[in-house]
Amino acid sequence: MTQAFNYQTTFILDKSHFSECYDESVAVPTFAALYRKGAFLLVIGAGLVMFSELNPYPAWFIFSLGLLEIVSSRYKKAWWVARQMLSKVAKAEVSLQINADSVHISSFYNDNRMKFSDIERITATDNGWLITHHSFRHYVSNRCLDESAKAFLQAKIS
């Protein structure tokens, strides 16, 4: 009789983990899609500032929003990682347990058990695994998995 699969480990949510999570889970939009909204607000705001009799404060506000949107689009990853590092979960220890029935990720602030029967999709990335569960995506890094856990998740994809 074969032994049921069971894997347990812990890891820390640090800057390198958040950076890897962003790189592996965020789809990179095209240049036009990334800057469209900011450019639109910038042009409308500039037009209102230069060619309108409107109170200058709302016009400058719209122009500033466009500028802020362009800057935030350019530094999207740095902004996201900084927000995660300032959150309460930064430096938290996370427990990961993978068994034949589920993937269980828990910490002081979160407890998430994902049964394989409820998981919509498991996608292998260059550095880890994206698990889609109830339309939410969770990232598990290969840094915290051994070869048997990677092989087990690979078998779940097939």
N, C-alpha and C. Protein backbone atom coordinates (compact mmCIF):
# COMPACT_ATOMS: atom_id res chain seq x y z
N MET A 1 0.83 -1.18 0.00
CA MET A 1 0.00 0.00 0.00
C MET A 1 0.88 1.24 0.00
N THR A 2 0.55 2.22 -0.86
CA THR A 2 1.36 3.42 -0.96
C THR A 2 0.93 4.45 0.08
N GLN A 3 1.87 5.23 0.50
CA GLN A 3 1.63 6.28 1.49
C GLN A 3 0.99 7.49 0.82
N ALA A 4 -0.02 8.09 1.41
CA ALA A 4 -0.65 9.28 0.86
C ALA A 4 0.33 10.45 0.88
N PHE A 5 0.26 11.30 -0.12
CA PHE A 5 1.18 12.43 -0.22
C PHE A 5 0.85 13.47 0.85
N ASN A 6 1.90 13.96 1.53
CA ASN A 6 1.74 15.01 2.52
C ASN A 6 3.04 15.80 2.57
N TYR A 7 2.94 17.10 2.35
CA TYR A 7 4.12 17.98 2.35
C TYR A 7 3.81 19.20 3.19
N GLN A 8 4.73 19.58 4.06
CA GLN A 8 4.56 20.75 4.92
C GLN A 8 5.84 21.57 4.91
N THR A 9 5.68 22.88 4.92
CA THR A 9 6.82 23.78 5.01
C THR A 9 6.34 25.14 5.51
N THR A 10 7.27 26.00 5.84
CA THR A 10 6.95 27.38 6.20
C THR A 10 7.87 28.30 5.42
N PHE A 11 7.41 29.52 5.20
CA PHE A 11 8.24 30.53 4.55
C PHE A 11 7.81 31.90 5.06
N ILE A 12 8.65 32.89 4.80
CA ILE A 12 8.42 34.26 5.27
C ILE A 12 8.01 35.13 4.08
N LEU A 13 7.00 35.97 4.28
CA LEU A 13 6.58 36.91 3.25
C LEU A 13 7.51 38.13 3.30
N ASP A 14 8.57 38.07 2.50
CA ASP A 14 9.55 39.15 2.47
C ASP A 14 9.52 39.84 1.11
N LYS A 15 10.39 40.81 0.93
CA LYS A 15 10.40 41.60 -0.30
C LYS A 15 10.68 40.73 -1.53
N SER A 16 11.58 39.79 -1.42
CA SER A 16 11.89 38.94 -2.58
C SER A 16 10.69 38.05 -2.94
N HIS A 17 9.94 37.59 -1.93
CA HIS A 17 8.75 36.79 -2.22
C HIS A 17 7.69 37.64 -2.93
N PHE A 18 7.45 38.86 -2.43
CA PHE A 18 6.46 39.73 -3.05
C PHE A 18 6.86 40.10 -4.48
N SER A 19 8.14 40.36 -4.68
CA SER A 19 8.62 40.71 -6.02
C SER A 19 8.43 39.55 -6.99
N GLU A 20 8.77 38.34 -6.54
CA GLU A 20 8.58 37.15 -7.38
C GLU A 20 7.10 36.91 -7.65
N CYS A 21 6.28 37.10 -6.65
CA CYS A 21 4.83 36.92 -6.79
C CYS A 21 4.29 37.88 -7.85
N TYR A 22 4.72 39.13 -7.82
CA TYR A 22 4.27 40.10 -8.81
C TYR A 22 4.73 39.70 -10.21
N ASP A 23 6.01 39.35 -10.34
CA ASP A 23 6.56 38.99 -11.65
C ASP A 23 5.84 37.80 -12.26
N GLU A 24 5.48 36.83 -11.45
CA GLU A 24 4.90 35.60 -11.96
C GLU A 24 3.39 35.66 -12.14
N SER A 25 2.71 36.58 -11.46
CA SER A 25 1.25 36.53 -11.50
C SER A 25 0.58 37.68 -12.23
N VAL A 26 1.29 38.76 -12.48
CA VAL A 26 0.67 39.91 -13.13
C VAL A 26 0.93 39.86 -14.63
N ALA A 27 -0.13 39.95 -15.40
CA ALA A 27 0.00 39.98 -16.86
C ALA A 27 0.49 41.36 -17.27
N VAL A 28 1.47 41.40 -18.16
CA VAL A 28 2.04 42.67 -18.60
C VAL A 28 1.21 43.20 -19.76
N PRO A 29 0.55 44.35 -19.57
CA PRO A 29 -0.25 44.92 -20.66
C PRO A 29 0.64 45.57 -21.72
N THR A 30 0.06 45.84 -22.87
CA THR A 30 0.81 46.53 -23.92
C THR A 30 1.06 47.97 -23.50
N PHE A 31 1.98 48.62 -24.19
CA PHE A 31 2.33 50.00 -23.88
C PHE A 31 1.10 50.90 -23.96
N ALA A 32 0.31 50.73 -25.02
CA ALA A 32 -0.88 51.57 -25.20
C ALA A 32 -1.89 51.34 -24.08
N ALA A 33 -2.12 50.10 -23.72
CA ALA A 33 -3.09 49.81 -22.66
C ALA A 33 -2.60 50.33 -21.31
N LEU A 34 -1.29 50.31 -21.09
CA LEU A 34 -0.73 50.73 -19.82
C LEU A 34 -0.88 52.23 -19.59
N TYR A 35 -0.69 53.02 -20.65
CA TYR A 35 -0.67 54.47 -20.49
C TYR A 35 -1.90 55.17 -21.06
N ARG A 36 -2.89 54.45 -21.55
CA ARG A 36 -4.06 55.06 -22.20
C ARG A 36 -4.83 55.99 -21.27
N LYS A 37 -5.19 55.51 -20.10
CA LYS A 37 -5.99 56.32 -19.18
C LYS A 37 -5.23 57.57 -18.73
N GLY A 38 -3.96 57.41 -18.41
CA GLY A 38 -3.17 58.55 -17.97
C GLY A 38 -3.01 59.59 -19.05
N ALA A 39 -2.76 59.14 -20.28
CA ALA A 39 -2.61 60.08 -21.39
C ALA A 39 -3.92 60.80 -21.66
N PHE A 40 -5.04 60.09 -21.58
CA PHE A 40 -6.35 60.70 -21.79
C PHE A 40 -6.60 61.80 -20.75
N LEU A 41 -6.38 61.51 -19.48
CA LEU A 41 -6.58 62.51 -18.43
C LEU A 41 -5.62 63.68 -18.59
N LEU A 42 -4.40 63.40 -18.99
CA LEU A 42 -3.40 64.45 -19.19
C LEU A 42 -3.83 65.40 -20.30
N VAL A 43 -4.28 64.86 -21.43
CA VAL A 43 -4.71 65.68 -22.56
C VAL A 43 -5.96 66.48 -22.21
N ILE A 44 -6.94 65.84 -21.58
CA ILE A 44 -8.17 66.55 -21.19
C ILE A 44 -7.84 67.67 -20.19
N GLY A 45 -7.02 67.35 -19.20
CA GLY A 45 -6.63 68.36 -18.21
C GLY A 45 -5.87 69.51 -18.84
N ALA A 46 -4.94 69.21 -19.75
CA ALA A 46 -4.17 70.28 -20.42
C ALA A 46 -5.10 71.13 -21.28
N GLY A 47 -6.04 70.47 -21.95
CA GLY A 47 -7.00 71.22 -22.77
C GLY A 47 -7.86 72.15 -21.92
N LEU A 48 -8.30 71.66 -20.77
CA LEU A 48 -9.10 72.49 -19.88
C LEU A 48 -8.29 73.66 -19.30
N VAL A 49 -7.03 73.41 -18.98
CA VAL A 49 -6.18 74.46 -18.42
C VAL A 49 -5.95 75.55 -19.46
N MET A 50 -5.66 75.16 -20.71
CA MET A 50 -5.27 76.14 -21.72
C MET A 50 -6.45 76.79 -22.43
N PHE A 51 -7.53 76.06 -22.68
CA PHE A 51 -8.57 76.57 -23.56
C PHE A 51 -9.94 76.74 -22.90
N SER A 52 -10.02 76.69 -21.62
CA SER A 52 -11.31 76.75 -20.96
C SER A 52 -11.37 77.93 -19.99
N GLU A 53 -12.56 78.45 -19.85
CA GLU A 53 -12.79 79.52 -18.88
C GLU A 53 -13.17 78.93 -17.52
N LEU A 54 -13.08 77.62 -17.43
CA LEU A 54 -13.42 76.89 -16.20
C LEU A 54 -12.47 77.30 -15.07
N ASN A 55 -12.95 77.19 -13.85
CA ASN A 55 -12.10 77.43 -12.69
C ASN A 55 -10.83 76.59 -12.86
N PRO A 56 -9.66 77.17 -12.66
CA PRO A 56 -8.42 76.42 -12.94
C PRO A 56 -8.16 75.24 -11.99
N TYR A 57 -8.74 75.24 -10.80
CA TYR A 57 -8.47 74.16 -9.85
C TYR A 57 -8.95 72.80 -10.36
N PRO A 58 -10.18 72.65 -10.83
CA PRO A 58 -10.59 71.34 -11.37
C PRO A 58 -9.76 70.92 -12.60
N ALA A 59 -9.42 71.89 -13.44
CA ALA A 59 -8.63 71.58 -14.63
C ALA A 59 -7.24 71.07 -14.24
N TRP A 60 -6.60 71.76 -13.30
CA TRP A 60 -5.28 71.31 -12.84
C TRP A 60 -5.38 69.98 -12.10
N PHE A 61 -6.49 69.76 -11.40
CA PHE A 61 -6.70 68.50 -10.72
C PHE A 61 -6.75 67.35 -11.72
N ILE A 62 -7.49 67.51 -12.81
CA ILE A 62 -7.58 66.46 -13.85
C ILE A 62 -6.22 66.25 -14.50
N PHE A 63 -5.51 67.35 -14.78
CA PHE A 63 -4.16 67.24 -15.35
C PHE A 63 -3.24 66.48 -14.39
N SER A 64 -3.31 66.80 -13.10
CA SER A 64 -2.46 66.12 -12.10
C SER A 64 -2.82 64.65 -11.97
N LEU A 65 -4.11 64.32 -12.06
CA LEU A 65 -4.51 62.91 -12.03
C LEU A 65 -3.90 62.13 -13.20
N GLY A 66 -3.90 62.76 -14.38
CA GLY A 66 -3.28 62.12 -15.54
C GLY A 66 -1.80 61.89 -15.33
N LEU A 67 -1.12 62.88 -14.79
CA LEU A 67 0.31 62.75 -14.51
C LEU A 67 0.56 61.66 -13.47
N LEU A 68 -0.24 61.64 -12.42
CA LEU A 68 -0.11 60.62 -11.39
C LEU A 68 -0.37 59.22 -11.94
N GLU A 69 -1.35 59.09 -12.82
CA GLU A 69 -1.67 57.80 -13.43
C GLU A 69 -0.51 57.30 -14.29
N ILE A 70 0.12 58.18 -15.03
CA ILE A 70 1.27 57.79 -15.86
C ILE A 70 2.43 57.35 -14.99
N VAL A 71 2.71 58.10 -13.93
CA VAL A 71 3.81 57.74 -13.02
C VAL A 71 3.51 56.41 -12.33
N SER A 72 2.26 56.22 -11.90
CA SER A 72 1.93 54.96 -11.22
C SER A 72 1.96 53.78 -12.17
N SER A 73 1.66 54.01 -13.45
CA SER A 73 1.77 52.93 -14.44
C SER A 73 3.23 52.56 -14.67
N ARG A 74 4.09 53.56 -14.67
CA ARG A 74 5.53 53.31 -14.89
C ARG A 74 6.14 52.54 -13.72
N TYR A 75 5.73 52.85 -12.50
CA TYR A 75 6.31 52.24 -11.30
C TYR A 75 5.31 51.30 -10.62
N LYS A 76 4.54 50.58 -11.40
CA LYS A 76 3.47 49.72 -10.88
C LYS A 76 4.01 48.63 -9.95
N LYS A 77 5.08 47.96 -10.37
CA LYS A 77 5.63 46.87 -9.55
C LYS A 77 6.20 47.41 -8.23
N ALA A 78 6.99 48.47 -8.32
CA ALA A 78 7.59 49.03 -7.10
C ALA A 78 6.50 49.50 -6.14
N TRP A 79 5.45 50.10 -6.67
CA TRP A 79 4.35 50.57 -5.84
C TRP A 79 3.64 49.39 -5.18
N TRP A 80 3.38 48.32 -5.95
CA TRP A 80 2.69 47.16 -5.40
C TRP A 80 3.54 46.49 -4.31
N VAL A 81 4.83 46.30 -4.58
CA VAL A 81 5.71 45.66 -3.59
C VAL A 81 5.81 46.53 -2.33
N ALA A 82 5.91 47.84 -2.49
CA ALA A 82 5.99 48.74 -1.33
C ALA A 82 4.71 48.65 -0.50
N ARG A 83 3.56 48.60 -1.15
CA ARG A 83 2.30 48.46 -0.41
C ARG A 83 2.25 47.15 0.37
N GLN A 84 2.74 46.07 -0.23
CA GLN A 84 2.75 44.79 0.47
C GLN A 84 3.71 44.83 1.66
N MET A 85 4.85 45.48 1.48
CA MET A 85 5.83 45.55 2.57
C MET A 85 5.33 46.44 3.72
N LEU A 86 4.43 47.36 3.44
CA LEU A 86 3.86 48.21 4.49
C LEU A 86 2.62 47.59 5.13
N SER A 87 2.13 46.50 4.56
CA SER A 87 0.92 45.87 5.10
C SER A 87 1.25 45.04 6.34
N LYS A 88 0.22 44.61 7.02
CA LYS A 88 0.41 43.84 8.25
C LYS A 88 0.97 42.45 7.98
N VAL A 89 0.84 41.93 6.74
CA VAL A 89 1.31 40.57 6.46
C VAL A 89 2.80 40.51 6.13
N ALA A 90 3.45 41.66 5.95
CA ALA A 90 4.88 41.66 5.66
C ALA A 90 5.65 41.02 6.81
N LYS A 91 6.61 40.21 6.48
CA LYS A 91 7.46 39.49 7.45
C LYS A 91 6.71 38.42 8.24
N ALA A 92 5.50 38.10 7.81
CA ALA A 92 4.72 37.06 8.51
C ALA A 92 5.19 35.69 8.06
N GLU A 93 5.14 34.73 8.98
CA GLU A 93 5.47 33.35 8.65
C GLU A 93 4.21 32.66 8.13
N VAL A 94 4.36 32.00 6.99
CA VAL A 94 3.24 31.32 6.35
C VAL A 94 3.51 29.83 6.36
N SER A 95 2.49 29.07 6.68
CA SER A 95 2.58 27.61 6.68
C SER A 95 1.89 27.09 5.43
N LEU A 96 2.56 26.23 4.71
CA LEU A 96 2.02 25.64 3.49
C LEU A 96 1.95 24.13 3.69
N GLN A 97 0.77 23.57 3.45
CA GLN A 97 0.60 22.13 3.55
C GLN A 97 -0.10 21.66 2.28
N ILE A 98 0.50 20.67 1.62
CA ILE A 98 -0.08 20.08 0.43
C ILE A 98 -0.28 18.60 0.72
N ASN A 99 -1.53 18.14 0.53
CA ASN A 99 -1.79 16.71 0.69
C ASN A 99 -2.65 16.26 -0.49
N ALA A 100 -3.11 15.04 -0.46
CA ALA A 100 -3.86 14.48 -1.58
C ALA A 100 -5.18 15.20 -1.82
N ASP A 101 -5.73 15.84 -0.79
CA ASP A 101 -7.04 16.49 -0.92
C ASP A 101 -6.98 17.98 -1.19
N SER A 102 -5.95 18.66 -0.65
CA SER A 102 -6.01 20.12 -0.69
C SER A 102 -4.63 20.76 -0.59
N VAL A 103 -4.64 22.08 -0.83
CA VAL A 103 -3.51 22.95 -0.56
C VAL A 103 -3.98 23.88 0.55
N HIS A 104 -3.24 23.92 1.65
CA HIS A 104 -3.63 24.72 2.81
C HIS A 104 -2.54 25.74 3.08
N ILE A 105 -2.90 27.02 2.97
CA ILE A 105 -1.98 28.12 3.22
C ILE A 105 -2.52 28.88 4.42
N SER A 106 -1.71 28.99 5.47
CA SER A 106 -2.20 29.68 6.66
C SER A 106 -1.11 30.52 7.30
N SER A 107 -1.55 31.60 7.90
CA SER A 107 -0.67 32.47 8.69
C SER A 107 -1.53 33.05 9.81
N PHE A 108 -0.96 33.94 10.57
CA PHE A 108 -1.70 34.58 11.66
C PHE A 108 -2.90 35.36 11.13
N TYR A 109 -2.78 35.92 9.91
CA TYR A 109 -3.80 36.79 9.36
C TYR A 109 -4.74 36.11 8.37
N ASN A 110 -4.40 34.93 7.89
CA ASN A 110 -5.17 34.31 6.83
C ASN A 110 -5.12 32.79 6.97
N ASP A 111 -6.22 32.15 6.64
CA ASP A 111 -6.28 30.69 6.65
C ASP A 111 -7.08 30.27 5.42
N ASN A 112 -6.41 29.65 4.46
CA ASN A 112 -7.06 29.33 3.20
C ASN A 112 -6.80 27.87 2.84
N ARG A 113 -7.87 27.09 2.83
CA ARG A 113 -7.77 25.69 2.42
C ARG A 113 -8.45 25.56 1.06
N MET A 114 -7.68 25.12 0.06
CA MET A 114 -8.20 24.97 -1.30
C MET A 114 -8.24 23.49 -1.65
N LYS A 115 -9.42 22.93 -1.72
CA LYS A 115 -9.57 21.52 -2.10
C LYS A 115 -9.32 21.40 -3.60
N PHE A 116 -8.64 20.32 -3.97
CA PHE A 116 -8.34 20.12 -5.39
C PHE A 116 -9.62 20.01 -6.22
N SER A 117 -10.70 19.54 -5.63
CA SER A 117 -11.96 19.45 -6.37
C SER A 117 -12.54 20.84 -6.66
N ASP A 118 -12.16 21.86 -5.87
CA ASP A 118 -12.65 23.23 -6.08
C ASP A 118 -11.69 24.10 -6.87
N ILE A 119 -10.46 23.65 -7.04
CA ILE A 119 -9.46 24.43 -7.76
C ILE A 119 -9.81 24.42 -9.25
N GLU A 120 -9.90 25.62 -9.81
CA GLU A 120 -10.26 25.74 -11.22
C GLU A 120 -9.09 25.45 -12.15
N ARG A 121 -7.90 25.90 -11.75
CA ARG A 121 -6.74 25.73 -12.62
C ARG A 121 -5.45 25.83 -11.82
N ILE A 122 -4.47 25.02 -12.19
CA ILE A 122 -3.11 25.12 -11.65
C ILE A 122 -2.21 25.37 -12.85
N THR A 123 -1.46 26.46 -12.81
CA THR A 123 -0.60 26.83 -13.92
C THR A 123 0.84 26.89 -13.44
N ALA A 124 1.71 26.18 -14.12
CA ALA A 124 3.14 26.24 -13.78
C ALA A 124 3.74 27.49 -14.41
N THR A 125 4.52 28.22 -13.63
CA THR A 125 5.25 29.39 -14.14
C THR A 125 6.74 29.07 -14.06
N ASP A 126 7.57 30.01 -14.44
CA ASP A 126 9.01 29.78 -14.40
C ASP A 126 9.52 29.54 -12.99
N ASN A 127 8.93 30.21 -12.01
CA ASN A 127 9.45 30.14 -10.63
C ASN A 127 8.46 29.59 -9.62
N GLY A 128 7.29 29.13 -10.06
CA GLY A 128 6.32 28.65 -9.10
C GLY A 128 5.04 28.17 -9.76
N TRP A 129 3.94 28.30 -9.00
CA TRP A 129 2.64 27.79 -9.42
C TRP A 129 1.55 28.82 -9.13
N LEU A 130 0.70 29.07 -10.12
CA LEU A 130 -0.48 29.90 -9.92
C LEU A 130 -1.67 28.97 -9.75
N ILE A 131 -2.36 29.12 -8.64
CA ILE A 131 -3.51 28.29 -8.33
C ILE A 131 -4.74 29.18 -8.36
N THR A 132 -5.68 28.88 -9.27
CA THR A 132 -6.92 29.64 -9.37
C THR A 132 -8.00 28.90 -8.62
N HIS A 133 -8.53 29.55 -7.59
CA HIS A 133 -9.52 28.94 -6.70
C HIS A 133 -10.63 29.95 -6.45
N HIS A 134 -11.84 29.64 -6.86
CA HIS A 134 -12.99 30.55 -6.75
C HIS A 134 -12.66 31.92 -7.34
N SER A 135 -12.05 31.93 -8.52
CA SER A 135 -11.69 33.14 -9.28
C SER A 135 -10.62 34.00 -8.61
N PHE A 136 -9.98 33.53 -7.56
CA PHE A 136 -8.84 34.21 -6.96
C PHE A 136 -7.58 33.44 -7.32
N ARG A 137 -6.50 34.18 -7.57
CA ARG A 137 -5.24 33.52 -7.90
C ARG A 137 -4.30 33.57 -6.71
N HIS A 138 -3.72 32.43 -6.41
CA HIS A 138 -2.75 32.30 -5.32
C HIS A 138 -1.44 31.84 -5.94
N TYR A 139 -0.34 32.37 -5.44
CA TYR A 139 0.98 32.01 -5.97
C TYR A 139 1.76 31.22 -4.93
N VAL A 140 2.32 30.10 -5.37
CA VAL A 140 3.18 29.29 -4.52
C VAL A 140 4.55 29.22 -5.21
N SER A 141 5.57 29.66 -4.52
CA SER A 141 6.91 29.72 -5.09
C SER A 141 7.59 28.36 -5.04
N ASN A 142 8.39 28.07 -6.05
CA ASN A 142 9.19 26.84 -6.04
C ASN A 142 10.26 26.86 -4.95
N ARG A 143 10.59 28.06 -4.43
CA ARG A 143 11.61 28.16 -3.38
C ARG A 143 11.21 27.40 -2.12
N CYS A 144 9.91 27.26 -1.90
CA CYS A 144 9.47 26.58 -0.68
C CYS A 144 8.99 25.15 -0.94
N LEU A 145 9.18 24.65 -2.16
CA LEU A 145 8.74 23.29 -2.49
C LEU A 145 9.94 22.40 -2.77
N ASP A 146 9.83 21.14 -2.39
CA ASP A 146 10.86 20.19 -2.79
C ASP A 146 10.42 19.50 -4.09
N GLU A 147 11.26 18.63 -4.59
CA GLU A 147 10.98 17.98 -5.89
C GLU A 147 9.71 17.14 -5.86
N SER A 148 9.44 16.47 -4.74
CA SER A 148 8.24 15.64 -4.68
C SER A 148 6.97 16.50 -4.73
N ALA A 149 6.98 17.67 -4.09
CA ALA A 149 5.82 18.56 -4.12
C ALA A 149 5.62 19.14 -5.52
N LYS A 150 6.72 19.49 -6.19
CA LYS A 150 6.62 19.98 -7.57
C LYS A 150 6.05 18.91 -8.48
N ALA A 151 6.52 17.68 -8.33
CA ALA A 151 6.02 16.57 -9.15
C ALA A 151 4.55 16.32 -8.87
N PHE A 152 4.14 16.43 -7.60
CA PHE A 152 2.74 16.22 -7.24
C PHE A 152 1.85 17.28 -7.90
N LEU A 153 2.26 18.55 -7.83
CA LEU A 153 1.47 19.60 -8.47
C LEU A 153 1.45 19.45 -9.99
N GLN A 154 2.57 19.02 -10.55
CA GLN A 154 2.62 18.77 -12.00
C GLN A 154 1.64 17.66 -12.38
N ALA A 155 1.53 16.64 -11.57
CA ALA A 155 0.59 15.54 -11.82
C ALA A 155 -0.85 16.03 -11.71
N LYS A 156 -1.11 17.01 -10.86
CA LYS A 156 -2.46 17.55 -10.71
C LYS A 156 -2.87 18.36 -11.94
N ILE A 157 -1.91 18.90 -12.66
CA ILE A 157 -2.22 19.66 -13.88
C ILE A 157 -2.74 18.70 -14.95
N SER A 158 -2.10 17.55 -15.06
CA SER A 158 -2.42 16.61 -16.14
C SER A 158 -3.78 15.98 -15.97
